[in-house]
């Protein structure tokens, strides 16, 4: 590959990395907003007011379009003195799953 070819390849890789970084920031903001809204609706406290990337991989949406599937983890509290794990899954920038964990049932209730 000639010298100009390597420079062009380097610019393409750099531009792709910049796009991924900016796209990830936008998706993360969407994940934080979704977690915050869900916690507020359930009377929970979103701890640290942030999410962290747990998984990133390509996936297809219902139309067959290839998008990035991001799973973000976050912590919330239902009592104010504990930490529970939650997650939010985005396909592209659309929230497809939001999990605030399972609540424990009162001891007097059983499932049978």
PDB file of N, CA and C in Angstrom:
ATOM      1  N   UNK A   1       0.846  -1.174   0.000  1.00  0.00           N
ATOM      2  CA  UNK A   1       0.000   0.000   0.000  1.00  0.00           C
ATOM      3  C   UNK A   1       0.893   1.239   0.000  1.00  0.00           C
ATOM      4  N   UNK A   2       0.607   2.181  -0.861  1.00  0.00           N
ATOM      5  CA  UNK A   2       1.401   3.405  -0.962  1.00  0.00           C
ATOM      6  C   UNK A   2       1.199   4.254   0.288  1.00  0.00           C
ATOM      7  N   UNK A   3       2.085   5.202   0.528  1.00  0.00           N
ATOM      8  CA  UNK A   3       2.032   6.067   1.704  1.00  0.00           C
ATOM      9  C   UNK A   3       0.702   6.768   1.872  1.00  0.00           C
ATOM     10  N   UNK A   4       0.108   7.253   0.765  1.00  0.00           N
ATOM     11  CA  UNK A   4      -1.188   7.927   0.825  1.00  0.00           C
ATOM     12  C   UNK A   4      -2.307   6.979   1.229  1.00  0.00           C
ATOM     13  N   UNK A   5      -2.176   5.717   0.869  1.00  0.00           N
ATOM     14  CA  UNK A   5      -3.184   4.715   1.218  1.00  0.00           C
ATOM     15  C   UNK A   5      -3.250   4.465   2.720  1.00  0.00           C
ATOM     16  N   UNK A   6      -2.075   4.424   3.355  1.00  0.00           N
ATOM     17  CA  UNK A   6      -2.031   4.224   4.809  1.00  0.00           C
ATOM     18  C   UNK A   6      -2.633   5.418   5.541  1.00  0.00           C
ATOM     19  N   UNK A   7      -2.354   6.603   5.016  1.00  0.00           N
ATOM     20  CA  UNK A   7      -2.914   7.813   5.650  1.00  0.00           C
ATOM     21  C   UNK A   7      -4.438   7.827   5.547  1.00  0.00           C
ATOM     22  N   UNK A   8      -4.959   7.442   4.386  1.00  0.00           N
ATOM     23  CA  UNK A   8      -6.404   7.385   4.190  1.00  0.00           C
ATOM     24  C   UNK A   8      -7.028   6.336   5.113  1.00  0.00           C
ATOM     25  N   UNK A   9      -6.411   5.177   5.205  1.00  0.00           N
ATOM     26  CA  UNK A   9      -6.904   4.131   6.094  1.00  0.00           C
ATOM     27  C   UNK A   9      -6.893   4.612   7.547  1.00  0.00           C
ATOM     28  N   UNK A  10      -5.833   5.304   7.932  1.00  0.00           N
ATOM     29  CA  UNK A  10      -5.744   5.851   9.285  1.00  0.00           C
ATOM     30  C   UNK A  10      -6.850   6.857   9.568  1.00  0.00           C
ATOM     31  N   UNK A  11      -7.139   7.716   8.588  1.00  0.00           N
ATOM     32  CA  UNK A  11      -8.220   8.693   8.753  1.00  0.00           C
ATOM     33  C   UNK A  11      -9.593   8.017   8.865  1.00  0.00           C
ATOM     34  N   UNK A  12      -9.805   6.971   8.093  1.00  0.00           N
ATOM     35  CA  UNK A  12     -11.074   6.236   8.150  1.00  0.00           C
ATOM     36  C   UNK A  12     -11.244   5.578   9.517  1.00  0.00           C
ATOM     37  N   UNK A  13     -10.182   4.960  10.008  1.00  0.00           N
ATOM     38  CA  UNK A  13     -10.236   4.324  11.334  1.00  0.00           C
ATOM     39  C   UNK A  13     -10.466   5.374  12.417  1.00  0.00           C
ATOM     40  N   UNK A  14      -9.789   6.506  12.326  1.00  0.00           N
ATOM     41  CA  UNK A  14      -9.959   7.590  13.298  1.00  0.00           C
ATOM     42  C   UNK A  14     -11.381   8.143  13.261  1.00  0.00           C
ATOM     43  N   UNK A  15     -11.925   8.341  12.063  1.00  0.00           N
ATOM     44  CA  UNK A  15     -13.303   8.837  11.933  1.00  0.00           C
ATOM     45  C   UNK A  15     -14.297   7.822  12.483  1.00  0.00           C
ATOM     46  N   UNK A  16     -14.078   6.547  12.232  1.00  0.00           N
ATOM     47  CA  UNK A  16     -14.954   5.501  12.766  1.00  0.00           C
ATOM     48  C   UNK A  16     -14.916   5.458  14.282  1.00  0.00           C
ATOM     49  N   UNK A  17     -13.738   5.615  14.849  1.00  0.00           N
ATOM     50  CA  UNK A  17     -13.600   5.642  16.309  1.00  0.00           C
ATOM     51  C   UNK A  17     -14.295   6.851  16.919  1.00  0.00           C
ATOM     52  N   UNK A  18     -14.173   7.998  16.276  1.00  0.00           N
ATOM     53  CA  UNK A  18     -14.847   9.211  16.770  1.00  0.00           C
ATOM     54  C   UNK A  18     -16.358   9.053  16.694  1.00  0.00           C
ATOM     55  N   UNK A  19     -16.856   8.471  15.593  1.00  0.00           N
ATOM     56  CA  UNK A  19     -18.297   8.247  15.472  1.00  0.00           C
ATOM     57  C   UNK A  19     -18.786   7.312  16.573  1.00  0.00           C
ATOM     58  N   UNK A  20     -18.058   6.205  16.818  1.00  0.00           N
ATOM     59  CA  UNK A  20     -18.452   5.246  17.851  1.00  0.00           C
ATOM     60  C   UNK A  20     -18.475   5.905  19.225  1.00  0.00           C
ATOM     61  N   UNK A  21     -17.497   6.732  19.516  1.00  0.00           N
ATOM     62  CA  UNK A  21     -17.425   7.418  20.808  1.00  0.00           C
ATOM     63  C   UNK A  21     -18.611   8.371  20.982  1.00  0.00           C
ATOM     64  N   UNK A  22     -18.886   9.190  19.981  1.00  0.00           N
ATOM     65  CA  UNK A  22     -20.010  10.131  20.075  1.00  0.00           C
ATOM     66  C   UNK A  22     -21.353   9.400  20.125  1.00  0.00           C
ATOM     67  N   UNK A  23     -21.512   8.356  19.339  1.00  0.00           N
ATOM     68  CA  UNK A  23     -22.734   7.570  19.346  1.00  0.00           C
ATOM     69  C   UNK A  23     -22.934   6.892  20.704  1.00  0.00           C
ATOM     70  N   UNK A  24     -21.853   6.426  21.296  1.00  0.00           N
ATOM     71  CA  UNK A  24     -21.931   5.785  22.607  1.00  0.00           C
ATOM     72  C   UNK A  24     -22.303   6.776  23.697  1.00  0.00           C
ATOM     73  N   UNK A  25     -21.816   8.002  23.600  1.00  0.00           N
ATOM     74  CA  UNK A  25     -22.200   9.030  24.579  1.00  0.00           C
ATOM     75  C   UNK A  25     -23.697   9.308  24.515  1.00  0.00           C
ATOM     76  N   UNK A  26     -24.234   9.393  23.294  1.00  0.00           N
ATOM     77  CA  UNK A  26     -25.663   9.645  23.121  1.00  0.00           C
ATOM     78  C   UNK A  26     -26.484   8.467  23.657  1.00  0.00           C
ATOM     79  N   UNK A  27     -26.058   7.239  23.369  1.00  0.00           N
ATOM     80  CA  UNK A  27     -26.762   6.051  23.855  1.00  0.00           C
ATOM     81  C   UNK A  27     -26.692   5.972  25.376  1.00  0.00           C
ATOM     82  N   UNK A  28     -25.548   6.302  25.958  1.00  0.00           N
ATOM     83  CA  UNK A  28     -25.398   6.289  27.420  1.00  0.00           C
ATOM     84  C   UNK A  28     -26.346   7.283  28.065  1.00  0.00           C
ATOM     85  N   UNK A  29     -26.460   8.468  27.479  1.00  0.00           N
ATOM     86  CA  UNK A  29     -27.403   9.462  27.995  1.00  0.00           C
ATOM     87  C   UNK A  29     -28.836   8.925  27.962  1.00  0.00           C
ATOM     88  N   UNK A  30     -29.183   8.212  26.894  1.00  0.00           N
ATOM     89  CA  UNK A  30     -30.502   7.588  26.808  1.00  0.00           C
ATOM     90  C   UNK A  30     -30.688   6.517  27.867  1.00  0.00           C
ATOM     91  N   UNK A  31     -29.640   5.759  28.142  1.00  0.00           N
ATOM     92  CA  UNK A  31     -29.701   4.735  29.186  1.00  0.00           C
ATOM     93  C   UNK A  31     -29.882   5.336  30.569  1.00  0.00           C
ATOM     94  N   UNK A  32     -29.184   6.429  30.834  1.00  0.00           N
ATOM     95  CA  UNK A  32     -29.325   7.117  32.128  1.00  0.00           C
ATOM     96  C   UNK A  32     -30.745   7.653  32.278  1.00  0.00           C
ATOM     97  N   UNK A  33     -31.259   8.273  31.233  1.00  0.00           N
ATOM     98  CA  UNK A  33     -32.613   8.836  31.288  1.00  0.00           C
ATOM     99  C   UNK A  33     -33.647   7.736  31.519  1.00  0.00           C
ATOM    100  N   UNK A  34     -33.497   6.594  30.848  1.00  0.00           N
ATOM    101  CA  UNK A  34     -34.434   5.491  31.017  1.00  0.00           C
ATOM    102  C   UNK A  34     -34.363   4.923  32.435  1.00  0.00           C
ATOM    103  N   UNK A  35     -33.155   4.745  32.960  1.00  0.00           N
ATOM    104  CA  UNK A  35     -32.996   4.220  34.323  1.00  0.00           C
ATOM    105  C   UNK A  35     -33.570   5.200  35.343  1.00  0.00           C
ATOM    106  N   UNK A  36     -33.306   6.483  35.146  1.00  0.00           N
ATOM    107  CA  UNK A  36     -33.814   7.515  36.060  1.00  0.00           C
ATOM    108  C   UNK A  36     -35.342   7.531  36.056  1.00  0.00           C
ATOM    109  N   UNK A  37     -35.949   7.489  34.875  1.00  0.00           N
ATOM    110  CA  UNK A  37     -37.403   7.506  34.751  1.00  0.00           C
ATOM    111  C   UNK A  37     -38.027   6.266  35.392  1.00  0.00           C
ATOM    112  N   UNK A  38     -37.451   5.087  35.139  1.00  0.00           N
ATOM    113  CA  UNK A  38     -37.981   3.847  35.706  1.00  0.00           C
ATOM    114  C   UNK A  38     -37.870   3.847  37.224  1.00  0.00           C
ATOM    115  N   UNK A  39     -36.736   4.285  37.750  1.00  0.00           N
ATOM    116  CA  UNK A  39     -36.563   4.333  39.202  1.00  0.00           C
ATOM    117  C   UNK A  39     -37.560   5.298  39.827  1.00  0.00           C
ATOM    118  N   UNK A  40     -37.736   6.451  39.221  1.00  0.00           N
ATOM    119  CA  UNK A  40     -38.689   7.438  39.742  1.00  0.00           C
ATOM    120  C   UNK A  40     -40.115   6.865  39.736  1.00  0.00           C
ATOM    121  N   UNK A  41     -40.483   6.192  38.649  1.00  0.00           N
ATOM    122  CA  UNK A  41     -41.834   5.632  38.529  1.00  0.00           C
ATOM    123  C   UNK A  41     -42.088   4.538  39.566  1.00  0.00           C
ATOM    124  N   UNK A  42     -41.054   3.801  39.950  1.00  0.00           N
ATOM    125  CA  UNK A  42     -41.197   2.707  40.912  1.00  0.00           C
ATOM    126  C   UNK A  42     -40.909   3.140  42.348  1.00  0.00           C
ATOM    127  N   UNK A  43     -40.584   4.428  42.546  1.00  0.00           N
ATOM    128  CA  UNK A  43     -40.270   4.904  43.895  1.00  0.00           C
ATOM    129  C   UNK A  43     -38.910   4.437  44.376  1.00  0.00           C
ATOM    130  N   UNK A  44     -37.984   4.248  43.450  1.00  0.00           N
ATOM    131  CA  UNK A  44     -36.629   3.788  43.766  1.00  0.00           C
ATOM    132  C   UNK A  44     -35.644   4.934  43.596  1.00  0.00           C
ATOM    133  N   UNK A  45     -34.485   4.778  44.195  1.00  0.00           N
ATOM    134  CA  UNK A  45     -33.440   5.793  44.083  1.00  0.00           C
ATOM    135  C   UNK A  45     -32.327   5.275  43.171  1.00  0.00           C
ATOM    136  N   UNK A  46     -32.070   5.975  42.066  1.00  0.00           N
ATOM    137  CA  UNK A  46     -30.968   5.632  41.170  1.00  0.00           C
ATOM    138  C   UNK A  46     -29.674   6.086  41.836  1.00  0.00           C
ATOM    139  N   UNK A  47     -28.824   5.139  42.155  1.00  0.00           N
ATOM    140  CA  UNK A  47     -27.588   5.464  42.855  1.00  0.00           C
ATOM    141  C   UNK A  47     -26.510   5.918  41.870  1.00  0.00           C
ATOM    142  N   UNK A  48     -25.721   6.862  42.287  1.00  0.00           N
ATOM    143  CA  UNK A  48     -24.612   7.418  41.497  1.00  0.00           C
ATOM    144  C   UNK A  48     -25.077   8.139  40.240  1.00  0.00           C
ATOM    145  N   UNK A  49     -26.372   8.138  39.974  1.00  0.00           N
ATOM    146  CA  UNK A  49     -26.984   8.846  38.846  1.00  0.00           C
ATOM    147  C   UNK A  49     -26.280   8.556  37.519  1.00  0.00           C
ATOM    148  N   UNK A  50     -25.891   7.285  37.333  1.00  0.00           N
ATOM    149  CA  UNK A  50     -25.197   6.928  36.103  1.00  0.00           C
ATOM    150  C   UNK A  50     -25.404   5.457  35.769  1.00  0.00           C
ATOM    151  N   UNK A  51     -24.993   5.074  34.575  1.00  0.00           N
ATOM    152  CA  UNK A  51     -24.989   3.684  34.125  1.00  0.00           C
ATOM    153  C   UNK A  51     -23.580   3.367  33.625  1.00  0.00           C
ATOM    154  N   UNK A  52     -23.241   2.081  33.589  1.00  0.00           N
ATOM    155  CA  UNK A  52     -21.941   1.687  33.050  1.00  0.00           C
ATOM    156  C   UNK A  52     -22.137   0.611  31.993  1.00  0.00           C
ATOM    157  N   UNK A  53     -21.345   0.678  30.947  1.00  0.00           N
ATOM    158  CA  UNK A  53     -21.464  -0.259  29.830  1.00  0.00           C
ATOM    159  C   UNK A  53     -21.044  -1.654  30.279  1.00  0.00           C
ATOM    160  N   UNK A  54     -21.952  -2.619  30.124  1.00  0.00           N
ATOM    161  CA  UNK A  54     -21.663  -4.003  30.488  1.00  0.00           C
ATOM    162  C   UNK A  54     -21.423  -4.870  29.249  1.00  0.00           C
ATOM    163  N   UNK A  55     -22.024  -4.485  28.113  1.00  0.00           N
ATOM    164  CA  UNK A  55     -21.897  -5.290  26.901  1.00  0.00           C
ATOM    165  C   UNK A  55     -22.144  -4.415  25.673  1.00  0.00           C
ATOM    166  N   UNK A  56     -21.419  -4.704  24.614  1.00  0.00           N
ATOM    167  CA  UNK A  56     -21.577  -4.007  23.334  1.00  0.00           C
ATOM    168  C   UNK A  56     -21.366  -5.019  22.232  1.00  0.00           C
ATOM    169  N   UNK A  57     -22.398  -5.181  21.379  1.00  0.00           N
ATOM    170  CA  UNK A  57     -22.259  -6.124  20.260  1.00  0.00           C
ATOM    171  C   UNK A  57     -23.239  -5.748  19.158  1.00  0.00           C
ATOM    172  N   UNK A  58     -22.963  -6.192  17.947  1.00  0.00           N
ATOM    173  CA  UNK A  58     -23.917  -5.929  16.860  1.00  0.00           C
ATOM    174  C   UNK A  58     -25.133  -6.841  16.997  1.00  0.00           C
ATOM    175  N   UNK A  59     -26.299  -6.317  16.618  1.00  0.00           N
ATOM    176  CA  UNK A  59     -27.547  -7.095  16.636  1.00  0.00           C
ATOM    177  C   UNK A  59     -28.480  -6.504  15.584  1.00  0.00           C
ATOM    178  N   UNK A  60     -29.437  -7.295  15.172  1.00  0.00           N
ATOM    179  CA  UNK A  60     -30.399  -6.833  14.172  1.00  0.00           C
ATOM    180  C   UNK A  60     -31.709  -6.445  14.849  1.00  0.00           C
ATOM    181  N   UNK A  61     -32.320  -5.378  14.346  1.00  0.00           N
ATOM    182  CA  UNK A  61     -33.627  -4.978  14.862  1.00  0.00           C
ATOM    183  C   UNK A  61     -34.710  -5.774  14.140  1.00  0.00           C
ATOM    184  N   UNK A  62     -35.984  -5.456  14.412  1.00  0.00           N
ATOM    185  CA  UNK A  62     -37.081  -6.223  13.822  1.00  0.00           C
ATOM    186  C   UNK A  62     -37.168  -6.078  12.300  1.00  0.00           C
ATOM    187  N   UNK A  63     -36.552  -5.032  11.757  1.00  0.00           N
ATOM    188  CA  UNK A  63     -36.518  -4.836  10.303  1.00  0.00           C
ATOM    189  C   UNK A  63     -35.303  -5.487   9.648  1.00  0.00           C
ATOM    190  N   UNK A  64     -34.444  -6.107  10.454  1.00  0.00           N
ATOM    191  CA  UNK A  64     -33.248  -6.747   9.936  1.00  0.00           C
ATOM    192  C   UNK A  64     -32.058  -5.811   9.812  1.00  0.00           C
ATOM    193  N   UNK A  65     -32.207  -4.587  10.264  1.00  0.00           N
ATOM    194  CA  UNK A  65     -31.123  -3.603  10.184  1.00  0.00           C
ATOM    195  C   UNK A  65     -30.092  -3.870  11.279  1.00  0.00           C
ATOM    196  N   UNK A  66     -28.822  -3.831  10.927  1.00  0.00           N
ATOM    197  CA  UNK A  66     -27.740  -4.076  11.870  1.00  0.00           C
ATOM    198  C   UNK A  66     -27.481  -2.829  12.705  1.00  0.00           C
ATOM    199  N   UNK A  67     -27.604  -2.965  14.027  1.00  0.00           N
ATOM    200  CA  UNK A  67     -27.391  -1.860  14.962  1.00  0.00           C
ATOM    201  C   UNK A  67     -26.484  -2.342  16.088  1.00  0.00           C
ATOM    202  N   UNK A  68     -26.077  -1.421  16.940  1.00  0.00           N
ATOM    203  CA  UNK A  68     -25.315  -1.795  18.119  1.00  0.00           C
ATOM    204  C   UNK A  68     -26.276  -2.051  19.275  1.00  0.00           C
ATOM    205  N   UNK A  69     -26.096  -3.182  19.939  1.00  0.00           N
ATOM    206  CA  UNK A  69     -26.876  -3.526  21.128  1.00  0.00           C
ATOM    207  C   UNK A  69     -25.986  -3.264  22.334  1.00  0.00           C
ATOM    208  N   UNK A  70     -26.432  -2.350  23.177  1.00  0.00           N
ATOM    209  CA  UNK A  70     -25.664  -1.983  24.366  1.00  0.00           C
ATOM    210  C   UNK A  70     -26.445  -2.375  25.610  1.00  0.00           C
ATOM    211  N   UNK A  71     -25.755  -2.989  26.552  1.00  0.00           N
ATOM    212  CA  UNK A  71     -26.348  -3.296  27.847  1.00  0.00           C
ATOM    213  C   UNK A  71     -25.618  -2.439  28.872  1.00  0.00           C
ATOM    214  N   UNK A  72     -26.387  -1.650  29.595  1.00  0.00           N
ATOM    215  CA  UNK A  72     -25.842  -0.803  30.651  1.00  0.00           C
ATOM    216  C   UNK A  72     -26.308  -1.323  31.999  1.00  0.00           C
ATOM    217  N   UNK A  73     -25.414  -1.364  32.962  1.00  0.00           N
ATOM    218  CA  UNK A  73     -25.741  -1.754  34.326  1.00  0.00           C
ATOM    219  C   UNK A  73     -25.833  -0.493  35.181  1.00  0.00           C
ATOM    220  N   UNK A  74     -26.687  -0.552  36.188  1.00  0.00           N
ATOM    221  CA  UNK A  74     -26.781   0.542  37.145  1.00  0.00           C
ATOM    222  C   UNK A  74     -27.193  -0.024  38.492  1.00  0.00           C
ATOM    223  N   UNK A  75     -27.071   0.796  39.513  1.00  0.00           N
ATOM    224  CA  UNK A  75     -27.473   0.389  40.849  1.00  0.00           C
ATOM    225  C   UNK A  75     -28.557   1.316  41.355  1.00  0.00           C
ATOM    226  N   UNK A  76     -29.474   0.738  42.102  1.00  0.00           N
ATOM    227  CA  UNK A  76     -30.562   1.508  42.678  1.00  0.00           C
ATOM    228  C   UNK A  76     -30.800   1.010  44.099  1.00  0.00           C
ATOM    229  N   UNK A  77     -31.565   1.767  44.841  1.00  0.00           N
ATOM    230  CA  UNK A  77     -31.913   1.377  46.203  1.00  0.00           C
ATOM    231  C   UNK A  77     -33.417   1.466  46.379  1.00  0.00           C
ATOM    232  N   UNK A  78     -33.984   0.475  47.055  1.00  0.00           N
ATOM    233  CA  UNK A  78     -35.407   0.518  47.344  1.00  0.00           C
ATOM    234  C   UNK A  78     -35.680   0.919  48.791  1.00  0.00           C
ATOM    235  N   UNK A  79     -34.645   0.879  49.633  1.00  0.00           N
ATOM    236  CA  UNK A  79     -34.825   1.251  51.037  1.00  0.00           C
ATOM    237  C   UNK A  79     -33.991   2.459  51.437  1.00  0.00           C
ATOM    238  N   UNK A  80     -33.032   2.828  50.624  1.00  0.00           N
ATOM    239  CA  UNK A  80     -32.140   3.940  50.948  1.00  0.00           C
ATOM    240  C   UNK A  80     -30.847   3.495  51.601  1.00  0.00           C
ATOM    241  N   UNK A  81     -30.772   2.237  52.046  1.00  0.00           N
ATOM    242  CA  UNK A  81     -29.536   1.760  52.695  1.00  0.00           C
ATOM    243  C   UNK A  81     -29.036   0.439  52.085  1.00  0.00           C
ATOM    244  N   UNK A  82     -29.432   0.167  50.853  1.00  0.00           N
ATOM    245  CA  UNK A  82     -28.937  -1.022  50.160  1.00  0.00           C
ATOM    246  C   UNK A  82     -28.645  -0.679  48.704  1.00  0.00           C
ATOM    247  N   UNK A  83     -27.993  -1.604  48.027  1.00  0.00           N
ATOM    248  CA  UNK A  83     -27.692  -1.440  46.606  1.00  0.00           C
ATOM    249  C   UNK A  83     -28.199  -2.669  45.871  1.00  0.00           C
ATOM    250  N   UNK A  84     -28.986  -2.434  44.840  1.00  0.00           N
ATOM    251  CA  UNK A  84     -29.495  -3.516  43.994  1.00  0.00           C
ATOM    252  C   UNK A  84     -29.065  -3.234  42.558  1.00  0.00           C
ATOM    253  N   UNK A  85     -28.944  -4.315  41.793  1.00  0.00           N
ATOM    254  CA  UNK A  85     -28.498  -4.196  40.403  1.00  0.00           C
ATOM    255  C   UNK A  85     -29.676  -4.091  39.455  1.00  0.00           C
ATOM    256  N   UNK A  86     -29.550  -3.215  38.480  1.00  0.00           N
ATOM    257  CA  UNK A  86     -30.516  -3.079  37.411  1.00  0.00           C
ATOM    258  C   UNK A  86     -29.777  -3.024  36.091  1.00  0.00           C
ATOM    259  N   UNK A  87     -30.523  -3.086  35.003  1.00  0.00           N
ATOM    260  CA  UNK A  87     -29.895  -2.988  33.685  1.00  0.00           C
ATOM    261  C   UNK A  87     -30.876  -2.399  32.686  1.00  0.00           C
ATOM    262  N   UNK A  88     -30.301  -1.820  31.657  1.00  0.00           N
ATOM    263  CA  UNK A  88     -31.101  -1.286  30.557  1.00  0.00           C
ATOM    264  C   UNK A  88     -30.414  -1.708  29.257  1.00  0.00           C
ATOM    265  N   UNK A  89     -31.222  -2.226  28.324  1.00  0.00           N
ATOM    266  CA  UNK A  89     -30.708  -2.703  27.037  1.00  0.00           C
ATOM    267  C   UNK A  89     -31.208  -1.763  25.947  1.00  0.00           C
ATOM    268  N   UNK A  90     -30.282  -1.254  25.156  1.00  0.00           N
ATOM    269  CA  UNK A  90     -30.628  -0.388  24.031  1.00  0.00           C
ATOM    270  C   UNK A  90     -30.224  -1.068  22.729  1.00  0.00           C
ATOM    271  N   UNK A  91     -31.096  -0.997  21.752  1.00  0.00           N
ATOM    272  CA  UNK A  91     -30.785  -1.453  20.396  1.00  0.00           C
ATOM    273  C   UNK A  91     -30.747  -0.191  19.559  1.00  0.00           C
ATOM    274  N   UNK A  92     -29.562   0.197  19.160  1.00  0.00           N
ATOM    275  CA  UNK A  92     -29.381   1.530  18.581  1.00  0.00           C
ATOM    276  C   UNK A  92     -29.532   2.523  19.723  1.00  0.00           C
ATOM    277  N   UNK A  93     -30.525   3.398  19.623  1.00  0.00           N
ATOM    278  CA  UNK A  93     -30.798   4.353  20.701  1.00  0.00           C
ATOM    279  C   UNK A  93     -32.170   4.110  21.324  1.00  0.00           C
ATOM    280  N   UNK A  94     -32.767   2.962  21.003  1.00  0.00           N
ATOM    281  CA  UNK A  94     -34.099   2.644  21.519  1.00  0.00           C
ATOM    282  C   UNK A  94     -33.987   1.654  22.668  1.00  0.00           C
ATOM    283  N   UNK A  95     -34.634   1.977  23.782  1.00  0.00           N
ATOM    284  CA  UNK A  95     -34.650   1.082  24.935  1.00  0.00           C
ATOM    285  C   UNK A  95     -35.555  -0.105  24.604  1.00  0.00           C
ATOM    286  N   UNK A  96     -35.012  -1.321  24.729  1.00  0.00           N
ATOM    287  CA  UNK A  96     -35.811  -2.517  24.447  1.00  0.00           C
ATOM    288  C   UNK A  96     -36.096  -3.327  25.713  1.00  0.00           C
ATOM    289  N   UNK A  97     -35.270  -3.211  26.732  1.00  0.00           N
ATOM    290  CA  UNK A  97     -35.492  -3.906  27.999  1.00  0.00           C
ATOM    291  C   UNK A  97     -34.963  -3.025  29.111  1.00  0.00           C
ATOM    292  N   UNK A  98     -35.750  -2.942  30.185  1.00  0.00           N
ATOM    293  CA  UNK A  98     -35.293  -2.225  31.378  1.00  0.00           C
ATOM    294  C   UNK A  98     -35.620  -3.089  32.577  1.00  0.00           C
ATOM    295  N   UNK A  99     -34.613  -3.415  33.370  1.00  0.00           N
ATOM    296  CA  UNK A  99     -34.778  -4.322  34.491  1.00  0.00           C
ATOM    297  C   UNK A  99     -34.353  -3.620  35.779  1.00  0.00           C
ATOM    298  N   UNK A 100     -35.285  -3.523  36.713  1.00  0.00           N
ATOM    299  CA  UNK A 100     -34.936  -2.985  38.026  1.00  0.00           C
ATOM    300  C   UNK A 100     -34.956  -4.091  39.076  1.00  0.00           C
ATOM    301  N   UNK A 101     -34.748  -5.319  38.638  1.00  0.00           N
ATOM    302  CA  UNK A 101     -34.607  -6.447  39.549  1.00  0.00           C
ATOM    303  C   UNK A 101     -35.923  -6.939  40.107  1.00  0.00           C
ATOM    304  N   UNK A 102     -35.812  -7.971  40.883  1.00  0.00           N
ATOM    305  CA  UNK A 102     -36.986  -8.563  41.520  1.00  0.00           C
ATOM    306  C   UNK A 102     -37.081  -8.069  42.948  1.00  0.00           C
ATOM    307  N   UNK A 103     -38.273  -7.691  43.333  1.00  0.00           N
ATOM    308  CA  UNK A 103     -38.491  -7.306  44.718  1.00  0.00           C
ATOM    309  C   UNK A 103     -38.810  -8.551  45.530  1.00  0.00           C
ATOM    310  N   UNK A 104     -38.343  -8.556  46.770  1.00  0.00           N
ATOM    311  CA  UNK A 104     -38.640  -9.686  47.633  1.00  0.00           C
ATOM    312  C   UNK A 104     -40.090  -9.619  48.092  1.00  0.00           C
ATOM    313  N   UNK A 105     -40.717 -10.785  48.150  1.00  0.00           N
ATOM    314  CA  UNK A 105     -42.094 -10.847  48.615  1.00  0.00           C
ATOM    315  C   UNK A 105     -42.087 -10.839  50.148  1.00  0.00           C
ATOM    316  N   UNK A 106     -43.122 -10.306  50.758  1.00  0.00           N
ATOM    317  CA  UNK A 106     -43.201 -10.349  52.219  1.00  0.00           C
ATOM    318  C   UNK A 106     -43.167 -11.793  52.701  1.00  0.00           C
ATOM    319  N   UNK A 107     -42.616 -12.051  53.899  1.00  0.00           N
ATOM    320  CA  UNK A 107     -42.465 -13.426  54.378  1.00  0.00           C
ATOM    321  C   UNK A 107     -43.795 -14.173  54.516  1.00  0.00           C
ATOM    322  N   UNK A 108     -44.890 -13.487  54.764  1.00  0.00           N
ATOM    323  CA  UNK A 108     -46.166 -14.171  54.947  1.00  0.00           C
ATOM    324  C   UNK A 108     -46.772 -14.646  53.627  1.00  0.00           C
ATOM    325  N   UNK A 109     -46.266 -14.206  52.505  1.00  0.00           N
ATOM    326  CA  UNK A 109     -46.803 -14.626  51.205  1.00  0.00           C
ATOM    327  C   UNK A 109     -45.939 -15.753  50.647  1.00  0.00           C
ATOM    328  N   UNK A 110     -46.585 -16.713  50.036  1.00  0.00           N
ATOM    329  CA  UNK A 110     -45.875 -17.795  49.372  1.00  0.00           C
ATOM    330  C   UNK A 110     -46.342 -17.897  47.942  1.00  0.00           C
ATOM    331  N   UNK A 111     -45.611 -18.607  47.143  1.00  0.00           N
ATOM    332  CA  UNK A 111     -45.952 -18.762  45.744  1.00  0.00           C
ATOM    333  C   UNK A 111     -46.751 -20.026  45.463  1.00  0.00           C
ATOM    334  N   UNK A 112     -47.031 -20.857  46.467  1.00  0.00           N
ATOM    335  CA  UNK A 112     -47.826 -22.065  46.220  1.00  0.00           C
ATOM    336  C   UNK A 112     -49.118 -22.043  46.956  1.00  0.00           C
TER     337      UNK A 112
END
